[in-house]
Amino acid sequence: MTDLPTLTPEQLERFRAIGLRLDRDGQLWHQGERVAHPRLHQALLRWLDVADDGRDIVRLDGGRYAYVDVDDTHLRVTAARWRDHHLDLVLDDGSEEELAYATLALGADGGLRCRVRGGRLTARFATGAQQVALERVDVAGPRDDLAAGARDGGHVLIAAGRRWPIAVP
C-alpha cells in the first residue's frame, strides 16, 4: 500500500473550490453546468451547511467539504401546512420541520424568509407556502412583544400559542 502525499493547507483550499453555485431558484450549477440529476441535486441540498468561518459549504463529513456560492438563500420552503396551531414546512431538500417562529422575517423582495436546520441555514418561502403562512398573520399592536426588526403596525404570525413578530429589513 502506498502512502498518500500530505496536502498543504493552500492545496486543500484549492481542492475545496470546485465551482459549485446555488442560484436564487434553487438550481445547482457546477462549473457553469446545471446539476441535472435529481438525486444528486437533492443530496447536495441535504449536504448544505455553513463552515465555522461562515462560508457556505456542502459537507460530506467532519473533514470533507467543498465551498458553494449561494446567490440568495440556502433552501426554499416549497410547501407549508398548519397542524393545529403549528406551521410545518417542506423544504426543497425533501426534509420537513416546524417553522422556527422567532426567525420569520420579510425579505427585501417582500417574501417571507426563516432559519432552518436549527438556525444554521436560510430558507425563502415559495408563493404557495407563503400564502399558507399568511393565513394566520395579524397586524402588530402596542401589546405585542416586538423583537428587533419588527415594529408597531407591522405584522405578527399567530402560531404555537403566541404572536410572533415578523422582522422587516
Protein backbone atom coordinates (compact mmCIF):
# COMPACT_ATOMS: atom_id res chain seq x y z
CA MET A 1 0.00 0.00 0.00
CA THR A 2 1.40 3.42 -0.97
CA ASP A 3 1.41 6.39 1.34
CA LEU A 4 -0.60 9.31 0.01
CA PRO A 5 1.17 12.68 -0.06
CA THR A 6 0.08 15.21 2.57
CA LEU A 7 -1.60 18.27 1.09
CA THR A 8 -0.65 21.74 2.21
CA PRO A 9 -3.47 23.95 3.52
CA GLU A 10 -3.26 26.01 0.31
CA GLN A 11 -3.65 22.91 -1.88
CA LEU A 12 -6.58 21.71 0.21
CA GLU A 13 -8.30 25.10 -0.17
CA ARG A 14 -7.90 24.92 -3.96
CA PHE A 15 -9.49 21.44 -3.99
CA ARG A 16 -12.45 22.74 -1.97
CA ALA A 17 -13.19 25.49 -4.51
CA ILE A 18 -14.93 23.24 -7.04
CA GLY A 19 -17.07 25.84 -8.83
CA LEU A 20 -20.39 24.93 -7.19
CA ARG A 21 -23.12 27.60 -7.14
CA LEU A 22 -26.71 27.62 -5.85
CA ASP A 23 -28.86 30.17 -7.66
CA ARG A 24 -31.91 32.06 -6.35
CA ASP A 25 -34.30 29.46 -7.79
CA GLY A 26 -32.59 26.56 -6.03
CA GLN A 27 -30.76 25.27 -9.10
CA LEU A 28 -27.27 23.97 -8.52
CA TRP A 29 -24.52 24.67 -11.03
CA HIS A 30 -21.10 23.03 -11.27
CA GLN A 31 -18.58 24.99 -13.30
CA GLY A 32 -21.38 26.61 -15.30
CA GLU A 33 -23.31 23.39 -16.00
CA ARG A 34 -26.64 22.75 -14.25
CA VAL A 35 -26.66 19.73 -11.92
CA ALA A 36 -29.47 17.88 -13.70
CA HIS A 37 -29.54 14.53 -11.91
CA PRO A 38 -32.42 14.81 -9.38
CA ARG A 39 -30.88 12.57 -6.70
CA LEU A 40 -27.50 14.30 -6.87
CA HIS A 41 -29.25 17.67 -6.72
CA GLN A 42 -31.22 16.64 -3.63
CA ALA A 43 -28.14 15.10 -1.97
CA LEU A 44 -26.17 18.32 -2.47
CA LEU A 45 -29.02 20.32 -0.92
CA ARG A 46 -29.09 17.97 2.06
CA TRP A 47 -25.32 18.37 2.50
CA LEU A 48 -25.56 22.19 2.61
CA ASP A 49 -24.01 23.64 5.74
CA VAL A 50 -22.02 26.61 6.97
CA ALA A 51 -18.37 26.23 7.94
CA ASP A 52 -17.06 27.60 11.22
CA ASP A 53 -15.67 30.61 9.33
CA GLY A 54 -19.16 31.40 7.92
CA ARG A 55 -18.55 30.17 4.37
CA ASP A 56 -21.28 28.14 2.68
CA ILE A 57 -20.30 24.53 2.04
CA VAL A 58 -21.55 21.09 1.09
CA ARG A 59 -20.33 18.79 3.86
CA LEU A 60 -19.74 15.08 3.35
CA ASP A 61 -18.42 14.50 6.88
CA GLY A 62 -16.40 16.26 9.59
CA GLY A 63 -13.33 16.75 7.42
CA ARG A 64 -14.52 16.59 3.83
CA TYR A 65 -16.39 19.51 2.34
CA ALA A 66 -16.40 21.85 -0.65
CA TYR A 67 -17.35 25.50 -0.97
CA VAL A 68 -20.59 26.57 -2.60
CA ASP A 69 -21.58 30.09 -3.65
CA VAL A 70 -25.17 30.79 -2.57
CA ASP A 71 -26.90 33.57 -4.53
CA ASP A 72 -29.87 34.05 -2.16
CA THR A 73 -31.00 31.55 0.48
CA HIS A 74 -29.74 28.03 1.08
CA LEU A 75 -33.16 26.39 0.69
CA ARG A 76 -36.68 27.09 -0.44
CA VAL A 77 -39.87 26.33 1.53
CA THR A 78 -41.84 24.56 -1.18
CA ALA A 79 -44.92 23.79 0.93
CA ALA A 80 -46.38 24.63 4.31
CA ARG A 81 -49.31 23.22 6.25
CA TRP A 82 -50.95 24.04 9.54
CA ARG A 83 -51.03 21.24 12.09
CA ASP A 84 -53.34 22.57 14.79
CA HIS A 85 -51.54 25.81 15.69
CA HIS A 86 -48.11 24.78 14.39
CA LEU A 87 -46.73 25.52 10.93
CA ASP A 88 -44.86 22.63 9.31
CA LEU A 89 -42.55 23.38 6.38
CA VAL A 90 -41.43 21.20 3.47
CA LEU A 91 -38.02 22.21 2.14
CA ASP A 92 -36.69 21.64 -1.35
CA ASP A 93 -34.11 19.18 0.00
CA GLY A 94 -37.03 16.85 0.84
CA SER A 95 -36.89 17.44 4.60
CA GLU A 96 -39.70 18.67 6.83
CA GLU A 97 -39.54 20.71 10.02
CA GLU A 98 -41.64 23.02 12.12
CA LEU A 99 -41.11 26.72 11.47
CA ALA A 100 -38.66 28.38 13.85
CA TYR A 101 -41.17 31.16 14.55
CA ALA A 102 -38.71 33.63 16.08
CA THR A 103 -36.69 33.66 12.82
CA LEU A 104 -39.55 34.65 10.50
CA ALA A 105 -38.68 37.78 8.53
CA LEU A 106 -39.78 39.69 5.49
CA GLY A 107 -37.13 39.88 2.77
CA ALA A 108 -36.35 43.00 0.76
CA ASP A 109 -38.35 41.42 -2.11
CA GLY A 110 -41.48 41.13 0.07
CA GLY A 111 -41.15 37.36 0.50
CA LEU A 112 -41.02 35.53 3.81
CA ARG A 113 -37.76 34.03 4.99
CA CYS A 114 -36.73 31.98 8.02
CA ARG A 115 -33.89 30.00 9.51
CA VAL A 116 -33.92 26.19 9.19
CA ARG A 117 -31.87 23.21 10.38
CA GLY A 118 -31.51 24.56 13.87
CA GLY A 119 -30.82 28.07 12.62
CA ARG A 120 -27.77 27.16 10.53
CA LEU A 121 -29.32 27.81 7.10
CA THR A 122 -31.70 30.30 5.50
CA ALA A 123 -34.86 29.48 3.56
CA ARG A 124 -37.18 31.54 1.34
CA PHE A 125 -40.88 30.75 1.08
CA ALA A 126 -42.29 29.88 -2.35
CA THR A 127 -45.55 31.66 -3.18
CA GLY A 128 -47.88 28.80 -2.20
CA ALA A 129 -46.10 28.18 1.09
CA GLN A 130 -46.16 31.88 1.89
CA GLN A 131 -49.91 32.04 1.26
CA VAL A 132 -50.45 29.24 3.78
CA ALA A 133 -48.34 31.04 6.40
CA LEU A 134 -50.15 34.34 5.80
CA GLU A 135 -53.48 32.74 6.72
CA ARG A 136 -52.60 33.44 10.37
CA VAL A 137 -50.94 36.85 10.16
CA ASP A 138 -52.31 39.85 12.04
CA VAL A 139 -51.31 43.48 12.49
CA ALA A 140 -48.95 44.02 15.42
CA GLY A 141 -50.28 46.20 18.20
CA PRO A 142 -48.90 48.01 21.23
CA ARG A 143 -49.27 44.92 23.44
CA ASP A 144 -47.21 42.66 21.17
CA ASP A 145 -43.70 41.86 22.35
CA LEU A 146 -41.84 43.06 19.26
CA ALA A 147 -38.34 41.81 18.57
CA ALA A 148 -35.56 43.70 16.84
CA GLY A 149 -36.50 44.38 13.26
CA ALA A 150 -40.25 44.24 13.97
CA ARG A 151 -42.32 47.37 14.57
CA ASP A 152 -45.67 48.52 15.90
CA GLY A 153 -48.07 48.46 12.97
CA GLY A 154 -46.03 45.66 11.41
CA HIS A 155 -47.24 42.09 11.39
CA VAL A 156 -47.25 39.06 13.67
CA LEU A 157 -47.79 35.38 12.98
CA ILE A 158 -50.26 33.74 15.34
CA ALA A 159 -48.90 30.25 15.98
CA ALA A 160 -47.89 27.84 18.73
CA GLY A 161 -49.84 29.78 21.35
CA ARG A 162 -48.09 33.11 20.68
CA ARG A 163 -47.98 36.16 18.48
CA TRP A 164 -44.60 36.05 16.70
CA PRO A 165 -43.33 39.34 15.21
CA ILE A 166 -42.27 39.23 11.59
CA ALA A 167 -39.00 41.14 11.27
CA VAL A 168 -38.65 43.59 8.40
CA PRO A 169 -35.47 44.66 6.58
